[in-house]
Amino acid sequence: MIKVINVQHFDTIIIGGGHNGLVCANYLGKAGQKVILLEASEKLGGLAATREFYPGFEVSVAHAINQFPEKIVSDLNLIKFGYEQNSKSMKNIGLDIHGNHVVVSQDEISGVEDKDAKQFKHYKSSLKKFAKALEPFWMKKMPAIGGNTISEILTFAQIGLKLKLLGKKDMRELLRVASLPARDLMDENFDSDLLKATLCWDALIGSTQAPRSPNNSILTLLYRMAGIHHGHYTLPEGGVQSLIGSLTSAAKSVGVDIRCGSPVNKISIRADKNGVKAAGVILDEGQEITGDRVISALDPKQTFINLVGAEHLEIEFLNRINRLRTDGYVAKLHLALTDIPNFKGIKSLGDRYIIAPTMDTIEFAWDDAKYGQCPDNPVIEMIIPSLNNPSLSPKGQHVLSANIMYVPYQKKGGWSEDSKTQFIKKILSILEKYSPDLTKKIIHAELLTPVDLEKDWRVTGGHWHHTELALDQMLMMRPTYEAAQYQTPVEDLYICGAGCHPGGGLMGAAGHNAAKVIIE
C-alpha cells in the first residue's frame, strides 16, 4: 500500500518525457496551462535520449531523423532553442559485397542498369505525389467512424478532396499500391535485386512484417515520406540530442515543470455515477500529484493495463488493448571504434548503409524470427553518427550505430548474455564481409535486444512504435477505437505516444495532435 504524501495540483500532468511528451508539453505550456512532465529515467528523450554506452562513447537508440515536421519547428521556435537543422539528407546505400553498391538519393540512383534508373524517376515521382496528398492528415486528429461532429465531417471531406485532386488515374493507383506487399511493388518496377531490397527497407523497418507480408502496407512507406526529405534520414548539427535539447529548453521557457527520475506508479482514478475519471498520478515514492487532466506518452498497454488498471476499464476495450501487437523485432548494435571504419567501394562515409542483398534475404531473416530464432543471415542498417557529432566519441575515434532487423522479442530459450554474445559474433561476421578491418577497430560492442529496450526504456515488447504500424493499426484504428482520437474511455485521460495516430519515428505529430485536441 502506497502512502500518499505532498499533494500538488496542475492543469495537466504528462507521463513520459520522450519527444511526443515534450512536444505536447510545449504546446500546452504555450497555451497558458500549468504543466508538469514526469519522466521515469534520469534523461529526457525516450529512445532518442543520448547515453554513454562505453566510457567516452555516446549514442541514442533512435539514431537519425527523417520526418520531424517543419510546422513543429516553427510553432515552438526550436531554432532559437538550439535545434540545428541539416538541410542535407543521407543517401541510402545498398552495400554489395564486391563494392558494386546501389546509391539512392532523393531523386536519382546509381549502380543499376539504365532501365532501373529511368523507372526510378517515375516510381519516386508517384510516391512523392501520394505522400504529399496524405501528409496533411498525419498532423491532425483522424475522425472516428460514426457520430461525427461538423469539424470531423469536414476532415473526411478534405481527405476526399485531396484524393480527388490527384486525378482519377493517380487516385486509383494510390488506392492500389497503398496496401500492397512491398515485394509486389518492387517486382513490378525494378530488376535489380539489391535495389529492390534497399528500397523496400523503409516499408519494413521497425515492423514484424516481411516483403511478402500482405499486411505490410506501402502506406507505412508513404507515412515515412512525410517532410522535406521525402523519407531520407538526416542528422541535425549536434545530432539527435539537438532535437531533444531544444524541445526541453523550449518547454522550460513556457513554464513546464520537468521532473526526471519520477516514475509513475498509478494514475489516480475517481469513480462516480457518470463513470471513471483521471484525477492525477501517484509516483513510486508515494507522492500524489493531481491535475485537471492526465496525458500519457507511454505505450497503450502500459497506460491502460499497468497505470489505469483493468478494474476501471470495460472488458471489450481492455481485450482490444491486450490484442495489440507489441513485440519488437529490431535490436540495436553499438560499436565503439578506434578509427573510422572502411567499407569496400565507399570513398567517404556519412550516409545510411543497408546490408540486405535481396528481398529473399530479408524474407528468410523474418522466417527465422517468426519461429523465435535469431536470423542466420542478419539484415542490417547502420550509420556513423560521430561523423556528424564528434562529441559522441573521443577525438579521432567513432561510434557505429546499427539496426538489426528480425531479432525476436520472444526468443526461443530466452535471451542471456551468452546468446547475445553469440549473436554479436554473427553480426560482426556479416559486417566483416563489407568492412574487413572493422573488428580490429572495435573497443566495445553493445547489443540491445527488444527485451533490453523494454526493460531499460519501459516500452512494452521493446517495440519502436509502441504497437505495430500496419494497415489494421493505423489512422482511426490506432491504437483502437475509443482511444484513436487521443481521448480515452477514462474521462480526462488522454494519450499522445507513438501508439497513437499517426505512429512512431521521431515525428512528434502525436504530441502535437493530442495537444490541439485538448486546447480546442
Protein backbone atom coordinates (compact mmCIF):
# COMPACT_ATOMS: atom_id res chain seq x y z
CA MET A 1 0.00 0.00 0.00
CA ILE A 2 1.47 3.37 -1.08
CA LYS A 3 1.21 6.16 1.43
CA VAL A 4 0.14 9.36 -0.32
CA ILE A 5 2.13 12.48 0.58
CA ASN A 6 2.68 16.05 -0.62
CA VAL A 7 -0.26 16.59 -2.96
CA GLN A 8 0.32 19.19 -5.73
CA HIS A 9 -2.11 20.32 -8.43
CA PHE A 10 -1.53 21.16 -12.12
CA ASP A 11 -3.74 21.84 -15.11
CA THR A 12 -2.06 19.00 -16.99
CA ILE A 13 0.14 16.08 -15.98
CA ILE A 14 2.14 14.42 -18.77
CA ILE A 15 3.61 10.97 -18.17
CA GLY A 16 6.72 10.28 -20.25
CA GLY A 17 9.47 12.61 -21.44
CA GLY A 18 10.03 11.23 -24.92
CA HIS A 19 9.81 13.60 -27.86
CA ASN A 20 6.00 13.28 -28.12
CA GLY A 21 5.55 14.12 -24.44
CA LEU A 22 7.88 17.09 -24.84
CA VAL A 23 6.06 18.36 -27.95
CA CYS A 24 2.69 18.06 -26.19
CA ALA A 25 4.03 19.85 -23.10
CA ASN A 26 5.35 22.70 -25.25
CA TYR A 27 2.03 23.37 -26.97
CA LEU A 28 0.03 23.21 -23.72
CA GLY A 29 2.55 25.40 -21.91
CA LYS A 30 2.38 27.95 -24.72
CA ALA A 31 -1.42 27.89 -24.38
CA GLY A 32 -1.04 29.06 -20.77
CA GLN A 33 -1.59 25.79 -18.95
CA LYS A 34 0.30 24.86 -15.80
CA VAL A 35 2.01 21.66 -16.95
CA ILE A 36 4.17 19.09 -15.22
CA LEU A 37 6.05 16.45 -17.22
CA LEU A 38 7.17 13.31 -15.36
CA GLU A 39 9.95 11.11 -16.75
CA ALA A 40 10.92 7.84 -15.07
CA SER A 41 14.55 7.84 -16.20
CA GLU A 42 17.20 10.41 -15.44
CA LYS A 43 17.29 11.64 -19.05
CA LEU A 44 14.62 13.03 -21.36
CA GLY A 45 14.11 11.79 -24.89
CA GLY A 46 12.98 8.17 -24.51
CA LEU A 47 14.57 6.10 -27.27
CA ALA A 48 16.08 9.33 -28.61
CA ALA A 49 17.96 10.04 -25.37
CA THR A 50 21.74 10.21 -25.83
CA ARG A 51 23.54 7.94 -23.35
CA GLU A 52 27.04 6.68 -22.68
CA PHE A 53 27.33 3.00 -23.65
CA TYR A 54 31.08 2.82 -23.03
CA PRO A 55 33.37 5.34 -21.29
CA GLY A 56 33.69 8.32 -23.65
CA PHE A 57 31.26 6.93 -26.26
CA GLU A 58 27.63 8.04 -26.53
CA VAL A 59 24.71 7.20 -28.81
CA SER A 60 20.90 7.19 -28.95
CA VAL A 61 18.74 4.20 -29.89
CA ALA A 62 16.78 6.36 -32.34
CA HIS A 63 19.85 7.40 -34.25
CA ALA A 64 18.52 9.69 -37.01
CA ILE A 65 15.55 11.84 -38.05
CA ASN A 66 13.55 11.56 -41.24
CA GLN A 67 10.18 13.26 -40.75
CA PHE A 68 10.18 15.81 -37.93
CA PRO A 69 7.70 18.45 -39.16
CA GLU A 70 8.74 21.97 -40.08
CA LYS A 71 5.45 23.11 -38.53
CA ILE A 72 6.52 21.99 -35.06
CA VAL A 73 9.98 23.52 -35.52
CA SER A 74 8.33 26.82 -36.44
CA ASP A 75 5.48 26.75 -33.89
CA LEU A 76 7.84 26.07 -30.99
CA ASN A 77 10.67 28.26 -32.33
CA LEU A 78 13.10 25.38 -31.85
CA ILE A 79 15.89 27.08 -33.83
CA LYS A 80 16.03 29.72 -31.09
CA PHE A 81 16.44 26.95 -28.52
CA GLY A 82 19.35 25.25 -30.24
CA TYR A 83 17.84 22.92 -32.86
CA GLU A 84 20.43 22.92 -35.61
CA GLN A 85 18.72 21.65 -38.74
CA ASN A 86 20.65 19.97 -41.50
CA SER A 87 19.31 20.64 -44.99
CA LYS A 88 21.32 17.74 -46.39
CA SER A 89 19.83 14.26 -46.18
CA MET A 90 21.70 10.98 -46.16
CA LYS A 91 21.78 8.73 -49.18
CA ASN A 92 20.56 5.17 -48.71
CA ILE A 93 23.36 2.91 -49.88
CA GLY A 94 22.64 -0.75 -50.50
CA LEU A 95 26.00 -2.40 -49.87
CA ASP A 96 27.29 -5.01 -52.30
CA ILE A 97 29.87 -7.50 -51.05
CA HIS A 98 32.10 -6.76 -54.06
CA GLY A 99 31.77 -2.99 -53.76
CA ASN A 100 29.21 -2.54 -56.55
CA HIS A 101 26.83 -0.59 -54.35
CA VAL A 102 23.43 0.86 -55.15
CA VAL A 103 23.23 4.53 -54.13
CA VAL A 104 19.74 6.02 -53.64
CA SER A 105 19.32 9.76 -53.15
CA GLN A 106 16.04 11.68 -53.08
CA ASP A 107 15.63 11.89 -56.85
CA GLU A 108 18.17 9.61 -58.50
CA ILE A 109 20.09 6.38 -58.17
CA SER A 110 23.37 4.94 -59.33
CA GLY A 111 24.82 1.46 -59.50
CA VAL A 112 21.96 0.00 -61.57
CA GLU A 113 21.12 -0.53 -65.24
CA ASP A 114 19.65 2.36 -67.21
CA LYS A 115 16.22 0.71 -67.27
CA ASP A 116 16.00 0.72 -63.45
CA ALA A 117 17.44 4.24 -63.22
CA LYS A 118 14.80 5.53 -65.63
CA GLN A 119 11.97 3.66 -63.87
CA PHE A 120 13.12 5.01 -60.50
CA LYS A 121 12.27 8.57 -61.55
CA HIS A 122 8.69 7.52 -62.34
CA TYR A 123 8.44 5.41 -59.16
CA LYS A 124 9.72 8.17 -56.89
CA SER A 125 7.62 10.85 -58.57
CA SER A 126 4.46 8.79 -57.96
CA LEU A 127 5.29 8.06 -54.33
CA LYS A 128 6.12 11.71 -53.64
CA LYS A 129 2.78 12.72 -55.12
CA PHE A 130 0.92 10.19 -52.97
CA ALA A 131 2.88 11.13 -49.82
CA LYS A 132 2.13 14.81 -50.38
CA ALA A 133 -1.58 14.08 -50.69
CA LEU A 134 -1.56 12.20 -47.38
CA GLU A 135 0.85 14.44 -45.48
CA PRO A 136 -1.72 16.91 -44.03
CA PHE A 137 -3.56 14.11 -42.26
CA TRP A 138 -0.61 12.99 -40.17
CA MET A 139 -0.75 16.32 -38.35
CA LYS A 140 -4.40 16.25 -37.32
CA LYS A 141 -6.84 14.10 -35.41
CA MET A 142 -8.39 11.37 -37.53
CA PRO A 143 -12.19 11.40 -37.12
CA ALA A 144 -13.92 8.44 -35.55
CA ILE A 145 -16.24 6.38 -37.73
CA GLY A 146 -19.84 7.37 -37.00
CA GLY A 147 -21.38 10.10 -34.85
CA ASN A 148 -19.07 12.79 -36.19
CA THR A 149 -19.04 16.48 -35.44
CA ILE A 150 -19.16 19.02 -38.26
CA SER A 151 -15.40 19.53 -37.89
CA GLU A 152 -14.77 15.80 -38.27
CA ILE A 153 -17.07 15.56 -41.27
CA LEU A 154 -15.08 18.38 -42.86
CA THR A 155 -11.87 16.41 -42.25
CA PHE A 156 -13.36 13.44 -44.10
CA ALA A 157 -14.37 15.82 -46.88
CA GLN A 158 -10.84 17.23 -47.00
CA ILE A 159 -9.42 13.71 -47.32
CA GLY A 160 -11.79 13.02 -50.20
CA LEU A 161 -10.91 16.30 -51.89
CA LYS A 162 -7.17 15.69 -51.57
CA LEU A 163 -7.56 12.29 -53.20
CA LYS A 164 -9.83 13.69 -55.89
CA LEU A 165 -7.26 16.39 -56.73
CA LEU A 166 -4.82 13.62 -57.60
CA GLY A 167 -6.99 12.86 -60.60
CA LYS A 168 -8.78 9.62 -61.34
CA LYS A 169 -5.73 7.74 -62.60
CA ASP A 170 -3.44 8.66 -59.69
CA MET A 171 -6.18 8.18 -57.12
CA ARG A 172 -6.79 4.65 -58.38
CA GLU A 173 -3.06 3.98 -58.34
CA LEU A 174 -2.73 5.24 -54.76
CA LEU A 175 -5.58 3.02 -53.60
CA ARG A 176 -3.98 0.09 -55.43
CA VAL A 177 -0.45 0.43 -54.07
CA ALA A 178 -1.35 1.62 -50.56
CA SER A 179 -1.95 -1.89 -49.25
CA LEU A 180 0.43 -3.83 -51.48
CA PRO A 181 3.12 -6.08 -50.04
CA ALA A 182 6.46 -4.37 -50.61
CA ARG A 183 7.64 -7.23 -52.80
CA ASP A 184 4.83 -6.73 -55.31
CA LEU A 185 5.56 -3.04 -55.75
CA MET A 186 9.31 -3.60 -56.12
CA ASP A 187 8.99 -6.52 -58.53
CA GLU A 188 6.67 -4.64 -60.84
CA ASN A 189 9.07 -1.68 -61.05
CA PHE A 190 12.67 -2.93 -60.94
CA ASP A 191 15.05 -5.71 -61.96
CA SER A 192 17.99 -5.18 -59.59
CA ASP A 193 17.69 -7.39 -56.51
CA LEU A 194 19.89 -5.09 -54.45
CA LEU A 195 17.90 -2.02 -55.44
CA LYS A 196 14.60 -3.70 -54.58
CA ALA A 197 15.87 -4.78 -51.16
CA THR A 198 17.23 -1.29 -50.44
CA LEU A 199 14.03 0.49 -51.48
CA CYS A 200 11.71 -1.78 -49.51
CA TRP A 201 13.70 -1.32 -46.29
CA ASP A 202 11.74 1.71 -45.08
CA ALA A 203 8.43 -0.05 -45.63
CA LEU A 204 9.62 -2.72 -43.18
CA ILE A 205 11.99 -1.28 -40.58
CA GLY A 206 10.58 -1.41 -37.06
CA SER A 207 7.77 -3.80 -38.03
CA THR A 208 7.14 -7.51 -37.72
CA GLN A 209 6.40 -7.79 -41.44
CA ALA A 210 8.43 -9.03 -44.41
CA PRO A 211 8.41 -8.16 -48.14
CA ARG A 212 5.69 -10.72 -48.92
CA SER A 213 3.51 -9.92 -45.89
CA PRO A 214 0.01 -8.92 -47.04
CA ASN A 215 -0.41 -6.57 -44.07
CA ASN A 216 2.87 -4.81 -44.83
CA SER A 217 1.41 -1.68 -46.29
CA ILE A 218 3.13 0.74 -48.62
CA LEU A 219 1.07 3.19 -46.58
CA THR A 220 3.81 2.81 -43.95
CA LEU A 221 6.40 3.87 -46.52
CA LEU A 222 4.26 6.87 -47.53
CA TYR A 223 3.99 7.83 -43.86
CA ARG A 224 7.78 7.83 -43.60
CA MET A 225 7.98 10.02 -46.71
CA ALA A 226 6.31 12.94 -44.94
CA GLY A 227 8.50 16.00 -44.65
CA ILE A 228 11.06 17.92 -46.67
CA HIS A 229 13.46 15.00 -47.06
CA HIS A 230 10.85 12.66 -48.59
CA GLY A 231 11.73 9.72 -46.37
CA HIS A 232 15.51 10.14 -46.37
CA TYR A 233 17.17 10.44 -42.99
CA THR A 234 19.16 13.35 -41.68
CA LEU A 235 21.16 14.22 -38.60
CA PRO A 236 20.87 17.77 -37.26
CA GLU A 237 24.09 19.51 -36.32
CA GLY A 238 24.73 18.28 -32.80
CA GLY A 239 22.91 15.01 -33.51
CA VAL A 240 19.56 13.77 -32.26
CA GLN A 241 20.33 15.37 -28.90
CA SER A 242 19.95 18.76 -30.61
CA LEU A 243 16.25 17.99 -31.09
CA ILE A 244 15.66 16.73 -27.55
CA GLY A 245 17.67 19.57 -26.04
CA SER A 246 15.76 22.23 -27.96
CA LEU A 247 12.37 20.71 -27.04
CA THR A 248 13.43 20.65 -23.39
CA SER A 249 14.63 24.26 -23.39
CA ALA A 250 11.51 25.44 -25.20
CA ALA A 251 9.26 23.65 -22.68
CA LYS A 252 11.07 25.22 -19.74
CA SER A 253 10.73 28.65 -21.34
CA VAL A 254 6.91 28.37 -21.23
CA GLY A 255 6.90 27.24 -17.62
CA VAL A 256 6.66 23.47 -17.95
CA ASP A 257 7.80 21.77 -14.73
CA ILE A 258 10.04 18.87 -15.85
CA ARG A 259 10.96 16.18 -13.35
CA CYS A 260 13.24 13.29 -14.29
CA GLY A 261 13.72 10.23 -12.10
CA SER A 262 9.99 10.35 -11.28
CA PRO A 263 8.35 7.05 -12.30
CA VAL A 264 4.55 6.97 -12.06
CA ASN A 265 3.10 4.05 -10.13
CA LYS A 266 -0.59 4.60 -10.87
CA ILE A 267 -3.00 7.01 -12.48
CA SER A 268 -5.45 8.15 -9.79
CA ILE A 269 -8.99 7.21 -10.82
CA ARG A 270 -12.15 8.66 -9.33
CA ALA A 271 -15.44 6.88 -9.98
CA ASP A 272 -18.96 8.27 -9.76
CA LYS A 273 -22.36 7.61 -11.29
CA ASN A 274 -21.16 9.07 -14.62
CA GLY A 275 -18.18 6.76 -14.98
CA VAL A 276 -14.47 6.93 -14.22
CA LYS A 277 -12.22 9.96 -14.36
CA ALA A 278 -8.46 10.56 -14.21
CA ALA A 279 -7.69 12.81 -11.26
CA GLY A 280 -3.89 12.70 -11.10
CA VAL A 281 -0.98 10.32 -10.60
CA ILE A 282 0.80 8.62 -7.71
CA LEU A 283 4.56 8.36 -8.01
CA ASP A 284 6.62 5.37 -6.92
CA GLU A 285 7.77 7.16 -3.79
CA GLY A 286 4.17 7.85 -2.77
CA GLN A 287 3.72 11.48 -3.78
CA GLU A 288 0.35 12.26 -5.34
CA ILE A 289 0.05 14.95 -7.99
CA THR A 290 -3.45 15.95 -9.01
CA GLY A 291 -4.48 17.52 -12.29
CA ASP A 292 -7.42 18.62 -14.38
CA ARG A 293 -6.23 16.07 -16.94
CA VAL A 294 -3.59 13.39 -17.35
CA ILE A 295 -1.81 12.68 -20.65
CA SER A 296 0.20 9.52 -21.17
CA ALA A 297 3.01 9.43 -23.72
CA LEU A 298 3.67 5.80 -22.78
CA ASP A 299 2.58 2.84 -24.89
CA PRO A 300 -1.11 1.82 -24.72
CA LYS A 301 -0.54 -1.38 -22.74
CA GLN A 302 1.47 0.40 -20.05
CA THR A 303 -1.08 3.20 -19.90
CA PHE A 304 -4.27 1.19 -19.65
CA ILE A 305 -3.19 -2.12 -18.11
CA ASN A 306 -0.43 -1.02 -15.72
CA LEU A 307 -1.34 2.57 -14.80
CA VAL A 308 -5.14 2.69 -15.09
CA GLY A 309 -5.86 -0.94 -14.20
CA ALA A 310 -8.28 -3.48 -15.63
CA GLU A 311 -10.79 -2.80 -12.87
CA HIS A 312 -11.52 0.64 -14.32
CA LEU A 313 -12.00 -0.39 -17.97
CA GLU A 314 -14.74 -2.12 -19.94
CA ILE A 315 -13.77 -5.69 -20.83
CA GLU A 316 -14.22 -5.18 -24.59
CA PHE A 317 -11.87 -2.19 -24.61
CA LEU A 318 -9.34 -3.98 -22.41
CA ASN A 319 -9.38 -7.01 -24.71
CA ARG A 320 -8.61 -4.81 -27.71
CA ILE A 321 -5.67 -3.26 -25.88
CA ASN A 322 -4.40 -6.71 -24.89
CA ARG A 323 -4.57 -7.86 -28.51
CA LEU A 324 -2.38 -5.03 -29.82
CA ARG A 325 0.74 -6.43 -31.47
CA THR A 326 3.62 -5.03 -29.43
CA ASP A 327 6.50 -7.50 -29.79
CA GLY A 328 9.57 -5.71 -31.14
CA TYR A 329 11.64 -7.22 -33.96
CA VAL A 330 14.61 -4.81 -34.02
CA ALA A 331 17.84 -4.95 -32.00
CA LYS A 332 20.44 -2.21 -31.74
CA LEU A 333 24.18 -2.76 -32.10
CA HIS A 334 26.52 -0.01 -30.91
CA LEU A 335 30.24 -0.18 -31.63
CA ALA A 336 32.93 1.98 -30.04
CA LEU A 337 35.73 2.21 -32.62
CA THR A 338 39.35 3.33 -32.51
CA ASP A 339 39.07 4.77 -36.02
CA ILE A 340 36.60 5.37 -38.82
CA PRO A 341 35.54 2.09 -40.46
CA ASN A 342 36.37 1.36 -44.10
CA PHE A 343 33.80 -0.19 -46.43
CA LYS A 344 34.77 -1.68 -49.76
CA GLY A 345 33.93 0.75 -52.57
CA ILE A 346 32.97 3.64 -50.25
CA LYS A 347 35.27 6.65 -50.54
CA SER A 348 33.62 8.96 -48.00
CA LEU A 349 31.30 7.98 -45.17
CA GLY A 350 28.35 9.91 -43.79
CA ASP A 351 25.35 8.17 -45.30
CA ARG A 352 22.98 5.35 -44.32
CA TYR A 353 24.18 1.86 -45.20
CA ILE A 354 21.94 -1.17 -45.68
CA ILE A 355 23.10 -4.79 -45.79
CA ALA A 356 20.27 -6.73 -47.42
CA PRO A 357 21.40 -8.25 -50.74
CA THR A 358 17.94 -9.40 -51.83
CA MET A 359 14.34 -9.34 -50.70
CA ASP A 360 14.66 -13.09 -50.15
CA THR A 361 17.46 -12.39 -47.64
CA ILE A 362 15.04 -10.15 -45.75
CA GLU A 363 12.24 -12.72 -46.03
CA PHE A 364 14.41 -15.55 -44.71
CA ALA A 365 15.57 -13.41 -41.75
CA TRP A 366 11.92 -12.79 -40.95
CA ASP A 367 11.18 -16.53 -41.21
CA ASP A 368 13.84 -17.20 -38.56
CA ALA A 369 12.42 -14.58 -36.21
CA LYS A 370 8.87 -15.80 -36.74
CA TYR A 371 9.89 -19.08 -35.08
CA GLY A 372 11.77 -17.40 -32.24
CA GLN A 373 15.25 -17.70 -33.75
CA CYS A 374 17.85 -15.04 -34.46
CA PRO A 375 18.41 -14.79 -38.22
CA ASP A 376 21.19 -16.91 -39.69
CA ASN A 377 21.91 -14.10 -42.12
CA PRO A 378 21.05 -10.82 -40.36
CA VAL A 379 19.93 -7.78 -42.35
CA ILE A 380 21.35 -4.51 -41.10
CA GLU A 381 21.04 -0.72 -41.40
CA MET A 382 23.80 1.47 -39.98
CA ILE A 383 25.11 5.00 -39.69
CA ILE A 384 28.20 6.57 -38.10
CA PRO A 385 26.68 9.42 -36.05
CA SER A 386 30.04 10.60 -34.69
CA LEU A 387 30.91 11.93 -38.15
CA ASN A 388 28.14 14.48 -37.73
CA ASN A 389 28.52 14.95 -33.99
CA PRO A 390 32.15 14.47 -32.87
CA SER A 391 31.16 14.94 -29.21
CA LEU A 392 29.80 11.37 -29.21
CA SER A 393 33.30 9.88 -29.08
CA PRO A 394 36.89 10.76 -28.11
CA LYS A 395 38.81 12.73 -30.74
CA GLY A 396 39.73 10.57 -33.74
CA GLN A 397 37.50 7.72 -32.60
CA HIS A 398 33.98 6.87 -33.72
CA VAL A 399 30.60 5.30 -32.99
CA LEU A 400 28.78 2.93 -35.33
CA SER A 401 25.04 2.58 -34.69
CA ALA A 402 23.16 -0.27 -36.40
CA ASN A 403 19.58 -1.52 -36.53
CA ILE A 404 19.40 -5.31 -36.83
CA MET A 405 16.05 -6.40 -38.23
CA TYR A 406 14.10 -9.52 -37.28
CA VAL A 407 15.52 -10.11 -33.84
CA PRO A 408 12.66 -11.64 -31.84
CA TYR A 409 11.44 -10.31 -28.52
CA GLN A 410 10.22 -13.80 -27.67
CA LYS A 411 13.40 -15.69 -28.49
CA LYS A 412 13.22 -19.45 -28.22
CA GLY A 413 15.03 -20.36 -25.00
CA GLY A 414 15.08 -16.71 -23.90
CA TRP A 415 17.82 -14.12 -24.01
CA SER A 416 21.03 -14.48 -21.99
CA GLU A 417 24.42 -12.78 -22.02
CA ASP A 418 25.82 -15.82 -23.82
CA SER A 419 23.14 -15.75 -26.53
CA LYS A 420 23.73 -12.01 -27.01
CA THR A 421 27.49 -12.59 -27.31
CA GLN A 422 26.95 -15.30 -29.92
CA PHE A 423 24.61 -13.10 -31.92
CA ILE A 424 27.08 -10.19 -31.82
CA LYS A 425 29.69 -12.54 -33.33
CA LYS A 426 27.26 -13.45 -36.10
CA ILE A 427 26.52 -9.80 -36.87
CA LEU A 428 30.21 -8.92 -36.91
CA SER A 429 30.92 -11.82 -39.27
CA ILE A 430 28.46 -10.21 -41.72
CA LEU A 431 29.95 -6.72 -41.27
CA GLU A 432 33.48 -8.06 -41.85
CA LYS A 433 32.50 -9.13 -45.37
CA TYR A 434 31.89 -5.49 -46.22
CA SER A 435 34.49 -3.91 -43.92
CA PRO A 436 37.34 -6.43 -43.50
CA ASP A 437 39.32 -4.43 -40.91
CA LEU A 438 36.32 -3.48 -38.75
CA THR A 439 36.84 -5.95 -35.89
CA LYS A 440 40.40 -4.71 -35.35
CA LYS A 441 38.98 -1.26 -34.58
CA ILE A 442 36.32 -2.38 -32.08
CA ILE A 443 36.88 -1.27 -28.49
CA HIS A 444 33.46 -2.33 -27.25
CA ALA A 445 30.23 -3.77 -28.69
CA GLU A 446 26.78 -3.36 -27.13
CA LEU A 447 23.72 -5.30 -28.28
CA LEU A 448 20.28 -4.15 -27.14
CA THR A 449 17.60 -6.75 -27.84
CA PRO A 450 13.88 -5.92 -27.78
CA VAL A 451 13.88 -7.32 -24.21
CA ASP A 452 16.57 -4.78 -23.27
CA LEU A 453 14.58 -1.96 -24.88
CA GLU A 454 11.54 -2.99 -22.86
CA LYS A 455 13.47 -3.19 -19.60
CA ASP A 456 15.64 -0.07 -19.91
CA TRP A 457 13.25 2.23 -21.80
CA ARG A 458 9.93 0.90 -20.43
CA VAL A 459 8.49 0.12 -23.87
CA THR A 460 6.19 -2.90 -23.93
CA GLY A 461 7.76 -5.63 -26.07
CA GLY A 462 10.61 -3.30 -26.99
CA HIS A 463 8.56 -2.12 -29.98
CA TRP A 464 9.74 1.14 -31.57
CA HIS A 465 6.23 2.21 -32.46
CA HIS A 466 4.63 1.10 -29.16
CA THR A 467 2.31 -1.04 -31.26
CA GLU A 468 2.68 -2.43 -34.76
CA LEU A 469 2.48 0.19 -37.53
CA ALA A 470 0.32 -1.71 -40.01
CA LEU A 471 -2.82 -1.11 -42.02
CA ASP A 472 -5.16 -2.51 -39.35
CA GLN A 473 -3.48 -0.44 -36.60
CA MET A 474 -3.28 2.94 -38.32
CA LEU A 475 -5.37 6.09 -38.81
CA MET A 476 -8.73 5.97 -36.96
CA MET A 477 -7.88 2.47 -35.70
CA ARG A 478 -4.69 3.47 -33.83
CA PRO A 479 -4.35 2.15 -31.20
CA THR A 480 -8.01 1.12 -31.20
CA TYR A 481 -11.38 2.79 -31.48
CA GLU A 482 -12.47 4.63 -28.32
CA ALA A 483 -8.87 5.84 -28.00
CA ALA A 484 -7.94 6.80 -31.57
CA GLN A 485 -8.74 10.49 -31.16
CA TYR A 486 -6.30 10.92 -28.22
CA GLN A 487 -9.20 10.85 -25.75
CA THR A 488 -9.92 7.60 -23.91
CA PRO A 489 -12.83 5.87 -22.18
CA VAL A 490 -11.49 7.35 -18.92
CA GLU A 491 -12.65 10.96 -18.70
CA ASP A 492 -9.78 13.49 -18.64
CA LEU A 493 -7.23 10.83 -19.60
CA TYR A 494 -5.52 11.39 -22.95
CA ILE A 495 -2.75 9.58 -24.84
CA CYS A 496 -0.06 11.11 -27.05
CA GLY A 497 2.64 8.46 -27.61
CA ALA A 498 3.84 6.57 -30.67
CA GLY A 499 0.95 4.13 -30.22
CA CYS A 500 -1.41 6.92 -31.33
CA HIS A 501 -2.10 8.27 -34.81
CA PRO A 502 -0.01 8.69 -36.88
CA GLY A 503 2.67 6.40 -35.39
CA GLY A 504 6.29 6.20 -34.33
CA GLY A 505 9.57 7.61 -35.55
CA LEU A 506 10.97 10.97 -34.46
CA MET A 507 7.98 12.89 -35.77
CA GLY A 508 6.21 14.44 -32.78
CA ALA A 509 2.86 14.52 -34.60
CA ALA A 510 1.05 12.51 -31.92
CA GLY A 511 2.15 15.01 -29.26
CA HIS A 512 1.13 17.92 -31.49
CA ASN A 513 -2.26 16.43 -32.34
CA ALA A 514 -3.14 15.49 -28.75
CA ALA A 515 -2.29 19.00 -27.57
CA LYS A 516 -4.52 20.53 -30.25
CA VAL A 517 -7.43 18.29 -29.20
CA ILE A 518 -7.04 19.42 -25.59
CA ILE A 519 -6.64 23.11 -26.44
CA GLU A 520 -9.67 23.10 -28.74
